[in-house]
Amino acid sequence: MSVYIECPRCGQGSVNSYRIVTTAEILQVCDECEAVWPPDIDPTPTGFADLEDELARRGLPLGWEQLEELEWP
């Protein structure tokens, strides 16, 4: 089971933890607006990055296939 929280940026999506497949880095990502937060802070309406920017910064192709959703017990 995953633990979802409502996105504080868009109010429409869910924020969950994802692993970047190639780097094993963990990010919190909204499935609607693609806002990204580090794994160790609570998502807020500010202080986020865009998923495309985060992937590009790492030199990775753009797209959700770069991510693996983390499942929690």
C-alpha atoms as a PDB file:
ATOM      1  CA  MET A   1       0.000   0.000   0.000  1.00  0.00           C
ATOM      2  CA  SER A   2       1.258   3.490  -0.819  1.00  0.00           C
ATOM      3  CA  VAL A   3       0.871   6.530   1.394  1.00  0.00           C
ATOM      4  CA  TYR A   4      -0.588   9.417  -0.586  1.00  0.00           C
ATOM      5  CA  ILE A   5      -1.027  13.023   0.435  1.00  0.00           C
ATOM      6  CA  GLU A   6      -2.843  15.761  -1.456  1.00  0.00           C
ATOM      7  CA  CYS A   7      -0.539  17.998  -3.445  1.00  0.00           C
ATOM      8  CA  PRO A   8      -0.150  21.380  -1.736  1.00  0.00           C
ATOM      9  CA  ARG A   9       0.767  22.999  -5.063  1.00  0.00           C
ATOM     10  CA  CYS A  10      -2.189  22.010  -7.272  1.00  0.00           C
ATOM     11  CA  GLY A  11      -4.647  20.527  -4.779  1.00  0.00           C
ATOM     12  CA  GLN A  12      -5.690  17.933  -7.350  1.00  0.00           C
ATOM     13  CA  GLY A  13      -2.953  15.319  -7.427  1.00  0.00           C
ATOM     14  CA  SER A  14      -1.400  12.940  -4.956  1.00  0.00           C
ATOM     15  CA  VAL A  15       2.186  13.179  -3.761  1.00  0.00           C
ATOM     16  CA  ASN A  16       4.030   9.920  -3.320  1.00  0.00           C
ATOM     17  CA  SER A  17       7.621   8.734  -3.129  1.00  0.00           C
ATOM     18  CA  TYR A  18       9.377   7.583  -6.287  1.00  0.00           C
ATOM     19  CA  ARG A  19      12.837   6.239  -7.017  1.00  0.00           C
ATOM     20  CA  ILE A  20      14.744   7.388 -10.086  1.00  0.00           C
ATOM     21  CA  VAL A  21      15.489   4.053 -11.739  1.00  0.00           C
ATOM     22  CA  THR A  22      19.018   4.838 -12.952  1.00  0.00           C
ATOM     23  CA  THR A  23      20.294   6.746  -9.909  1.00  0.00           C
ATOM     24  CA  ALA A  24      18.238   5.222  -7.051  1.00  0.00           C
ATOM     25  CA  GLU A  25      17.540   8.749  -5.752  1.00  0.00           C
ATOM     26  CA  ILE A  26      14.234   9.198  -3.937  1.00  0.00           C
ATOM     27  CA  LEU A  27      11.896  12.098  -4.739  1.00  0.00           C
ATOM     28  CA  GLN A  28       8.382  13.064  -3.741  1.00  0.00           C
ATOM     29  CA  VAL A  29       6.328  13.758  -6.884  1.00  0.00           C
ATOM     30  CA  CYS A  30       2.774  14.943  -7.568  1.00  0.00           C
ATOM     31  CA  ASP A  31       1.090  12.684 -10.125  1.00  0.00           C
ATOM     32  CA  GLU A  32      -0.933  15.614 -11.507  1.00  0.00           C
ATOM     33  CA  CYS A  33       1.260  18.738 -11.731  1.00  0.00           C
ATOM     34  CA  GLU A  34       4.636  16.933 -11.547  1.00  0.00           C
ATOM     35  CA  ALA A  35       5.937  19.093  -8.695  1.00  0.00           C
ATOM     36  CA  VAL A  36       8.958  17.522  -6.971  1.00  0.00           C
ATOM     37  CA  TRP A  37      10.208  17.794  -3.384  1.00  0.00           C
ATOM     38  CA  PRO A  38      13.177  16.168  -1.651  1.00  0.00           C
ATOM     39  CA  PRO A  39      12.316  13.023   0.317  1.00  0.00           C
ATOM     40  CA  ASP A  40      13.189  14.490   3.697  1.00  0.00           C
ATOM     41  CA  ILE A  41      10.818  17.491   3.789  1.00  0.00           C
ATOM     42  CA  ASP A  42       7.058  17.863   3.887  1.00  0.00           C
ATOM     43  CA  PRO A  43       5.684  19.084   0.548  1.00  0.00           C
ATOM     44  CA  THR A  44       4.651  22.740   0.642  1.00  0.00           C
ATOM     45  CA  PRO A  45       3.060  25.112  -1.903  1.00  0.00           C
ATOM     46  CA  THR A  46       6.514  26.631  -2.425  1.00  0.00           C
ATOM     47  CA  GLY A  47       9.988  25.183  -2.556  1.00  0.00           C
ATOM     48  CA  PHE A  48       9.276  22.632  -5.258  1.00  0.00           C
ATOM     49  CA  ALA A  49      10.903  21.892  -8.600  1.00  0.00           C
ATOM     50  CA  ASP A  50       9.386  20.528 -11.801  1.00  0.00           C
ATOM     51  CA  LEU A  51       9.930  16.876 -12.669  1.00  0.00           C
ATOM     52  CA  GLU A  52      11.229  17.700 -16.165  1.00  0.00           C
ATOM     53  CA  ASP A  53      13.826  20.063 -14.686  1.00  0.00           C
ATOM     54  CA  GLU A  54      14.959  17.492 -12.126  1.00  0.00           C
ATOM     55  CA  LEU A  55      15.374  14.775 -14.741  1.00  0.00           C
ATOM     56  CA  ALA A  56      17.128  17.123 -17.188  1.00  0.00           C
ATOM     57  CA  ARG A  57      19.488  18.298 -14.440  1.00  0.00           C
ATOM     58  CA  ARG A  58      20.566  14.684 -14.019  1.00  0.00           C
ATOM     59  CA  GLY A  59      20.984  14.223 -17.780  1.00  0.00           C
ATOM     60  CA  LEU A  60      18.087  11.754 -17.960  1.00  0.00           C
ATOM     61  CA  PRO A  61      15.403  11.445 -20.629  1.00  0.00           C
ATOM     62  CA  LEU A  62      12.115  13.099 -19.721  1.00  0.00           C
ATOM     63  CA  GLY A  63       9.183  10.951 -18.695  1.00  0.00           C
ATOM     64  CA  TRP A  64       7.543   8.941 -15.962  1.00  0.00           C
ATOM     65  CA  GLU A  65       9.285   5.782 -17.162  1.00  0.00           C
ATOM     66  CA  GLN A  66      12.382   7.144 -15.378  1.00  0.00           C
ATOM     67  CA  LEU A  67      10.557   6.681 -12.052  1.00  0.00           C
ATOM     68  CA  GLU A  68       9.522   3.696  -9.986  1.00  0.00           C
ATOM     69  CA  GLU A  69       6.798   4.236  -7.391  1.00  0.00           C
ATOM     70  CA  LEU A  70       7.815   3.109  -3.928  1.00  0.00           C
ATOM     71  CA  GLU A  71       5.427   0.819  -2.127  1.00  0.00           C
ATOM     72  CA  TRP A  72       5.151   0.984   1.639  1.00  0.00           C
ATOM     73  CA  PRO A  73       3.994  -1.916   3.823  1.00  0.00           C
END
